[in-house]
PDB file of N, CA and C in Angstrom:
ATOM      1  N   MET A   1     -22.569  -1.188 -20.239  1.00  0.00           N
ATOM      2  CA  MET A   1     -21.544  -1.779 -19.346  1.00  0.00           C
ATOM      3  C   MET A   1     -22.202  -2.677 -18.332  1.00  0.00           C
ATOM      4  N   LYS A   2     -21.744  -3.764 -17.943  1.00  0.00           N
ATOM      5  CA  LYS A   2     -22.296  -4.700 -17.059  1.00  0.00           C
ATOM      6  C   LYS A   2     -22.318  -3.953 -15.728  1.00  0.00           C
ATOM      7  N   ASP A   3     -23.454  -4.492 -14.896  1.00  0.00           N
ATOM      8  CA  ASP A   3     -23.735  -3.838 -13.668  1.00  0.00           C
ATOM      9  C   ASP A   3     -22.411  -4.222 -12.818  1.00  0.00           C
ATOM     10  N   TRP A   4     -22.031  -5.343 -12.735  1.00  0.00           N
ATOM     11  CA  TRP A   4     -20.905  -5.769 -11.964  1.00  0.00           C
ATOM     12  C   TRP A   4     -19.558  -5.152 -12.144  1.00  0.00           C
ATOM     13  N   MET A   5     -19.409  -4.637 -13.360  1.00  0.00           N
ATOM     14  CA  MET A   5     -18.114  -3.963 -13.878  1.00  0.00           C
ATOM     15  C   MET A   5     -18.183  -2.562 -13.377  1.00  0.00           C
ATOM     16  N   GLU A   6     -19.301  -1.881 -13.427  1.00  0.00           N
ATOM     17  CA  GLU A   6     -19.554  -0.564 -12.982  1.00  0.00           C
ATOM     18  C   GLU A   6     -19.399  -0.497 -11.486  1.00  0.00           C
ATOM     19  N   ARG A   7     -19.918  -1.468 -10.715  1.00  0.00           N
ATOM     20  CA  ARG A   7     -19.759  -1.614  -9.239  1.00  0.00           C
ATOM     21  C   ARG A   7     -18.295  -1.688  -8.882  1.00  0.00           C
ATOM     22  N   ALA A   8     -17.658  -2.561  -9.675  1.00  0.00           N
ATOM     23  CA  ALA A   8     -16.248  -2.863  -9.241  1.00  0.00           C
ATOM     24  C   ALA A   8     -15.355  -1.658  -9.466  1.00  0.00           C
ATOM     25  N   LEU A   9     -15.696  -0.905 -10.624  1.00  0.00           N
ATOM     26  CA  LEU A   9     -14.986   0.306 -10.927  1.00  0.00           C
ATOM     27  C   LEU A   9     -15.216   1.338  -9.715  1.00  0.00           C
ATOM     28  N   LYS A  10     -16.356   1.485  -9.384  1.00  0.00           N
ATOM     29  CA  LYS A  10     -16.652   2.379  -8.128  1.00  0.00           C
ATOM     30  C   LYS A  10     -16.034   1.969  -6.973  1.00  0.00           C
ATOM     31  N   THR A  11     -15.931   0.719  -6.697  1.00  0.00           N
ATOM     32  CA  THR A  11     -15.382   0.247  -5.564  1.00  0.00           C
ATOM     33  C   THR A  11     -13.894   0.461  -5.591  1.00  0.00           C
ATOM     34  N   PHE A  12     -13.167   0.397  -6.760  1.00  0.00           N
ATOM     35  CA  PHE A  12     -11.848   0.489  -6.929  1.00  0.00           C
ATOM     36  C   PHE A  12     -11.430   2.005  -6.658  1.00  0.00           C
ATOM     37  N   VAL A  13     -12.320   2.952  -7.069  1.00  0.00           N
ATOM     38  CA  VAL A  13     -12.008   4.345  -6.869  1.00  0.00           C
ATOM     39  C   VAL A  13     -12.256   4.738  -5.394  1.00  0.00           C
ATOM     40  N   GLN A  14     -13.349   4.243  -4.808  1.00  0.00           N
ATOM     41  CA  GLN A  14     -13.512   4.648  -3.423  1.00  0.00           C
ATOM     42  C   GLN A  14     -12.334   3.963  -2.536  1.00  0.00           C
ATOM     43  N   ALA A  15     -11.998   2.644  -2.799  1.00  0.00           N
ATOM     44  CA  ALA A  15     -10.945   2.020  -1.995  1.00  0.00           C
ATOM     45  C   ALA A  15      -9.554   2.811  -2.189  1.00  0.00           C
ATOM     46  N   PHE A  16      -9.274   3.315  -3.579  1.00  0.00           N
ATOM     47  CA  PHE A  16      -8.174   3.824  -3.773  1.00  0.00           C
ATOM     48  C   PHE A  16      -7.895   5.151  -2.908  1.00  0.00           C
ATOM     49  N   PHE A  17      -8.901   5.967  -3.016  1.00  0.00           N
ATOM     50  CA  PHE A  17      -8.873   7.295  -2.219  1.00  0.00           C
ATOM     51  C   PHE A  17      -9.019   7.010  -0.683  1.00  0.00           C
ATOM     52  N   GLY A  18      -9.710   5.966  -0.328  1.00  0.00           N
ATOM     53  CA  GLY A  18      -9.919   5.805   0.955  1.00  0.00           C
ATOM     54  C   GLY A  18      -8.448   5.313   1.666  1.00  0.00           C
ATOM     55  N   VAL A  19      -7.662   4.675   0.908  1.00  0.00           N
ATOM     56  CA  VAL A  19      -6.314   4.243   1.438  1.00  0.00           C
ATOM     57  C   VAL A  19      -5.278   5.314   1.254  1.00  0.00           C
ATOM     58  N   LEU A  20      -5.433   6.048   0.073  1.00  0.00           N
ATOM     59  CA  LEU A  20      -4.432   6.995  -0.445  1.00  0.00           C
ATOM     60  C   LEU A  20      -4.373   8.314   0.471  1.00  0.00           C
ATOM     61  N   VAL A  21      -5.560   8.673   0.882  1.00  0.00           N
ATOM     62  CA  VAL A  21      -5.859  10.014   1.610  1.00  0.00           C
ATOM     63  C   VAL A  21      -5.053   9.989   2.886  1.00  0.00           C
ATOM     64  N   PRO A  22      -5.385   8.918   3.842  1.00  0.00           N
ATOM     65  CA  PRO A  22      -4.554   8.890   5.118  1.00  0.00           C
ATOM     66  C   PRO A  22      -3.176   8.660   4.868  1.00  0.00           C
ATOM     67  N   GLU A  23      -2.689   7.910   3.881  1.00  0.00           N
ATOM     68  CA  GLU A  23      -1.197   7.787   3.583  1.00  0.00           C
ATOM     69  C   GLU A  23      -0.651   9.041   3.194  1.00  0.00           C
ATOM     70  N   LEU A  24      -1.268   9.747   2.410  1.00  0.00           N
ATOM     71  CA  LEU A  24      -0.845  11.120   2.054  1.00  0.00           C
ATOM     72  C   LEU A  24      -0.703  12.127   3.251  1.00  0.00           C
ATOM     73  N   CYS A  25      -1.620  12.070   4.135  1.00  0.00           N
ATOM     74  CA  CYS A  25      -1.519  12.726   5.362  1.00  0.00           C
ATOM     75  C   CYS A  25      -0.271  12.349   6.181  1.00  0.00           C
ATOM     76  N   LEU A  26       0.043  11.155   6.239  1.00  0.00           N
ATOM     77  CA  LEU A  26       1.271  10.662   6.963  1.00  0.00           C
ATOM     78  C   LEU A  26       2.541  11.236   6.201  1.00  0.00           C
ATOM     79  N   ILE A  27       2.578  11.230   5.077  1.00  0.00           N
ATOM     80  CA  ILE A  27       3.601  11.715   4.213  1.00  0.00           C
ATOM     81  C   ILE A  27       3.833  13.268   4.427  1.00  0.00           C
ATOM     82  N   LEU A  28       2.660  13.963   4.409  1.00  0.00           N
ATOM     83  CA  LEU A  28       2.788  15.374   4.606  1.00  0.00           C
ATOM     84  C   LEU A  28       3.232  15.845   6.023  1.00  0.00           C
ATOM     85  N   ASN A  29       2.958  14.909   6.938  1.00  0.00           N
ATOM     86  CA  ASN A  29       3.321  15.162   8.407  1.00  0.00           C
ATOM     87  C   ASN A  29       4.590  14.583   8.650  1.00  0.00           C
ATOM     88  N   GLY A  30       5.200  13.969   7.758  1.00  0.00           N
ATOM     89  CA  GLY A  30       6.636  13.256   7.918  1.00  0.00           C
ATOM     90  C   GLY A  30       6.486  11.985   8.921  1.00  0.00           C
ATOM     91  N   GLY A  31       5.330  11.480   8.856  1.00  0.00           N
ATOM     92  CA  GLY A  31       5.223  10.111   9.640  1.00  0.00           C
ATOM     93  C   GLY A  31       5.582   8.796   9.120  1.00  0.00           C
ATOM     94  N   LEU A  32       5.994   8.794   7.950  1.00  0.00           N
ATOM     95  CA  LEU A  32       6.347   7.501   7.281  1.00  0.00           C
ATOM     96  C   LEU A  32       7.878   7.308   7.397  1.00  0.00           C
ATOM     97  N   PRO A  33       8.318   5.998   7.480  1.00  0.00           N
ATOM     98  CA  PRO A  33       9.783   5.842   7.596  1.00  0.00           C
ATOM     99  C   PRO A  33      10.505   6.172   6.367  1.00  0.00           C
ATOM    100  N   GLU A  34      11.774   6.635   6.490  1.00  0.00           N
ATOM    101  CA  GLU A  34      12.607   7.153   5.394  1.00  0.00           C
ATOM    102  C   GLU A  34      12.704   6.352   4.214  1.00  0.00           C
ATOM    103  N   ASP A  35      12.727   4.963   4.397  1.00  0.00           N
ATOM    104  CA  ASP A  35      12.816   4.027   3.442  1.00  0.00           C
ATOM    105  C   ASP A  35      11.560   3.814   2.618  1.00  0.00           C
ATOM    106  N   PHE A  36      10.510   4.459   2.944  1.00  0.00           N
ATOM    107  CA  PHE A  36       9.261   4.387   2.362  1.00  0.00           C
ATOM    108  C   PHE A  36       9.241   5.210   0.975  1.00  0.00           C
ATOM    109  N   THR A  37       9.318   4.719  -0.105  1.00  0.00           N
ATOM    110  CA  THR A  37       9.389   5.402  -1.347  1.00  0.00           C
ATOM    111  C   THR A  37       8.064   6.004  -1.847  1.00  0.00           C
ATOM    112  N   ALA A  38       8.152   6.870  -2.874  1.00  0.00           N
ATOM    113  CA  ALA A  38       6.961   7.359  -3.476  1.00  0.00           C
ATOM    114  C   ALA A  38       6.279   6.474  -4.142  1.00  0.00           C
ATOM    115  N   TRP A  39       7.008   5.416  -4.810  1.00  0.00           N
ATOM    116  CA  TRP A  39       6.162   4.285  -5.425  1.00  0.00           C
ATOM    117  C   TRP A  39       5.335   3.673  -4.513  1.00  0.00           C
ATOM    118  N   GLN A  40       5.857   3.238  -3.350  1.00  0.00           N
ATOM    119  CA  GLN A  40       5.228   2.480  -2.193  1.00  0.00           C
ATOM    120  C   GLN A  40       4.007   3.332  -1.893  1.00  0.00           C
ATOM    121  N   ALA A  41       4.071   4.541  -1.833  1.00  0.00           N
ATOM    122  CA  ALA A  41       2.917   5.504  -1.368  1.00  0.00           C
ATOM    123  C   ALA A  41       1.773   5.359  -2.438  1.00  0.00           C
ATOM    124  N   VAL A  42       1.984   5.013  -3.648  1.00  0.00           N
ATOM    125  CA  VAL A  42       0.902   4.845  -4.572  1.00  0.00           C
ATOM    126  C   VAL A  42       0.624   3.423  -4.759  1.00  0.00           C
ATOM    127  N   LEU A  43       1.645   2.679  -4.744  1.00  0.00           N
ATOM    128  CA  LEU A  43       1.455   1.169  -4.935  1.00  0.00           C
ATOM    129  C   LEU A  43       0.614   0.420  -3.982  1.00  0.00           C
ATOM    130  N   VAL A  44       0.698   0.839  -2.685  1.00  0.00           N
ATOM    131  CA  VAL A  44       0.026   0.246  -1.590  1.00  0.00           C
ATOM    132  C   VAL A  44      -1.501   0.552  -1.838  1.00  0.00           C
ATOM    133  N   PRO A  45      -2.003   1.782  -1.996  1.00  0.00           N
ATOM    134  CA  PRO A  45      -3.412   1.961  -2.258  1.00  0.00           C
ATOM    135  C   PRO A  45      -3.866   1.357  -3.543  1.00  0.00           C
ATOM    136  N   LEU A  46      -3.070   1.347  -4.580  1.00  0.00           N
ATOM    137  CA  LEU A  46      -3.364   0.675  -5.929  1.00  0.00           C
ATOM    138  C   LEU A  46      -3.729  -0.765  -5.687  1.00  0.00           C
ATOM    139  N   LEU A  47      -2.697  -1.495  -4.928  1.00  0.00           N
ATOM    140  CA  LEU A  47      -3.039  -3.054  -4.732  1.00  0.00           C
ATOM    141  C   LEU A  47      -4.246  -3.305  -3.855  1.00  0.00           C
ATOM    142  N   THR A  48      -4.288  -2.416  -2.805  1.00  0.00           N
ATOM    143  CA  THR A  48      -5.488  -2.608  -1.899  1.00  0.00           C
ATOM    144  C   THR A  48      -6.854  -2.284  -2.696  1.00  0.00           C
ATOM    145  N   SER A  49      -6.912  -1.377  -3.496  1.00  0.00           N
ATOM    146  CA  SER A  49      -8.130  -1.048  -4.109  1.00  0.00           C
ATOM    147  C   SER A  49      -8.483  -2.114  -5.388  1.00  0.00           C
ATOM    148  N   ALA A  50      -7.297  -2.586  -5.861  1.00  0.00           N
ATOM    149  CA  ALA A  50      -7.537  -3.528  -7.000  1.00  0.00           C
ATOM    150  C   ALA A  50      -8.055  -4.889  -6.234  1.00  0.00           C
ATOM    151  N   LEU A  51      -7.731  -5.272  -5.135  1.00  0.00           N
ATOM    152  CA  LEU A  51      -8.036  -6.423  -4.504  1.00  0.00           C
ATOM    153  C   LEU A  51      -9.618  -6.226  -3.964  1.00  0.00           C
ATOM    154  N   ALA A  52      -9.971  -5.003  -3.600  1.00  0.00           N
ATOM    155  CA  ALA A  52     -11.324  -4.649  -3.211  1.00  0.00           C
ATOM    156  C   ALA A  52     -12.340  -4.768  -4.373  1.00  0.00           C
ATOM    157  N   ALA A  53     -11.611  -4.108  -5.437  1.00  0.00           N
ATOM    158  CA  ALA A  53     -12.551  -4.221  -6.782  1.00  0.00           C
ATOM    159  C   ALA A  53     -12.770  -5.601  -7.299  1.00  0.00           C
ATOM    160  N   GLY A  54     -11.648  -6.452  -7.195  1.00  0.00           N
ATOM    161  CA  GLY A  54     -11.766  -7.779  -7.492  1.00  0.00           C
ATOM    162  C   GLY A  54     -12.828  -8.549  -6.777  1.00  0.00           C
ATOM    163  N   ILE A  55     -12.754  -8.421  -5.384  1.00  0.00           N
ATOM    164  CA  ILE A  55     -13.914  -9.000  -4.570  1.00  0.00           C
ATOM    165  C   ILE A  55     -15.232  -8.553  -4.825  1.00  0.00           C
ATOM    166  N   SER A  56     -15.282  -7.176  -5.131  1.00  0.00           N
ATOM    167  CA  SER A  56     -16.715  -6.658  -5.608  1.00  0.00           C
ATOM    168  C   SER A  56     -17.062  -7.264  -6.882  1.00  0.00           C
ATOM    169  N   ALA A  57     -16.201  -7.414  -7.881  1.00  0.00           N
ATOM    170  CA  ALA A  57     -16.650  -7.935  -9.072  1.00  0.00           C
ATOM    171  C   ALA A  57     -17.115  -9.319  -8.867  1.00  0.00           C
ATOM    172  N   ALA A  58     -16.327 -10.180  -8.189  1.00  0.00           N
ATOM    173  CA  ALA A  58     -16.556 -11.642  -8.064  1.00  0.00           C
ATOM    174  C   ALA A  58     -17.860 -11.784  -7.424  1.00  0.00           C
ATOM    175  N   TRP A  59     -18.147 -10.860  -6.197  1.00  0.00           N
ATOM    176  CA  TRP A  59     -19.400 -10.954  -5.596  1.00  0.00           C
ATOM    177  C   TRP A  59     -20.679 -10.699  -6.453  1.00  0.00           C
ATOM    178  N   ASN A  60     -20.514  -9.668  -7.243  1.00  0.00           N
ATOM    179  CA  ASN A  60     -21.527  -9.235  -8.139  1.00  0.00           C
ATOM    180  C   ASN A  60     -21.777 -10.324  -9.288  1.00  0.00           C
ATOM    181  N   ILE A  61     -20.774 -10.894  -9.828  1.00  0.00           N
ATOM    182  CA  ILE A  61     -20.753 -11.938 -10.717  1.00  0.00           C
ATOM    183  C   ILE A  61     -21.598 -13.120 -10.252  1.00  0.00           C
ATOM    184  N   VAL A  62     -21.236 -13.624  -9.022  1.00  0.00           N
ATOM    185  CA  VAL A  62     -21.913 -14.644  -8.357  1.00  0.00           C
ATOM    186  C   VAL A  62     -23.392 -14.197  -8.186  1.00  0.00           C
ATOM    187  N   LEU A  63     -23.804 -13.075  -7.562  1.00  0.00           N
ATOM    188  CA  LEU A  63     -25.086 -12.631  -7.464  1.00  0.00           C
ATOM    189  C   LEU A  63     -25.829 -12.700  -8.846  1.00  0.00           C
ATOM    190  N   GLU A  64     -25.252 -12.233  -9.852  1.00  0.00           N
ATOM    191  CA  GLU A  64     -26.008 -12.209 -11.059  1.00  0.00           C
ATOM    192  C   GLU A  64     -26.270 -13.688 -11.543  1.00  0.00           C
ATOM    193  N   HIS A  65     -25.349 -14.450 -11.365  1.00  0.00           N
ATOM    194  CA  HIS A  65     -25.546 -15.892 -11.867  1.00  0.00           C
ATOM    195  C   HIS A  65     -26.572 -16.653 -10.937  1.00  0.00           C
ATOM    196  N   LEU A  66     -26.662 -16.256  -9.711  1.00  0.00           N
ATOM    197  CA  LEU A  66     -27.666 -16.792  -8.828  1.00  0.00           C
ATOM    198  C   LEU A  66     -29.106 -16.174  -9.113  1.00  0.00           C
ATOM    199  N   LYS A  67     -29.246 -15.046  -9.674  1.00  0.00           N
ATOM    200  CA  LYS A  67     -30.436 -14.493 -10.035  1.00  0.00           C
ATOM    201  C   LYS A  67     -30.920 -15.104 -11.315  1.00  0.00           C
ATOM    202  N   GLU A  68     -30.077 -15.504 -12.267  1.00  0.00           N
ATOM    203  CA  GLU A  68     -30.410 -16.172 -13.378  1.00  0.00           C
ATOM    204  C   GLU A  68     -31.040 -17.740 -13.325  1.00  0.00           C
ATOM    205  N   GLU A  69     -30.585 -18.394 -12.277  1.00  0.00           N
ATOM    206  CA  GLU A  69     -30.884 -19.647 -11.890  1.00  0.00           C
ATOM    207  C   GLU A  69     -32.359 -19.734 -11.214  1.00  0.00           C
TER     208      GLU A  69
END
């Protein structure tokens, strides 16, 4: 597996749990608005972590290409 892909996957997992855990704490303590659905509780961390993984992948691809030159 390419190094950049492995790093992006690790970044995805770290970002997902980094956003999901505080959000779950809010849900368990009743701190979220009533119109906040269960889908949003998962979708927000998913999108946030996907963005972080994409940035990580792009950064590592650029670094890999710069090393080749």
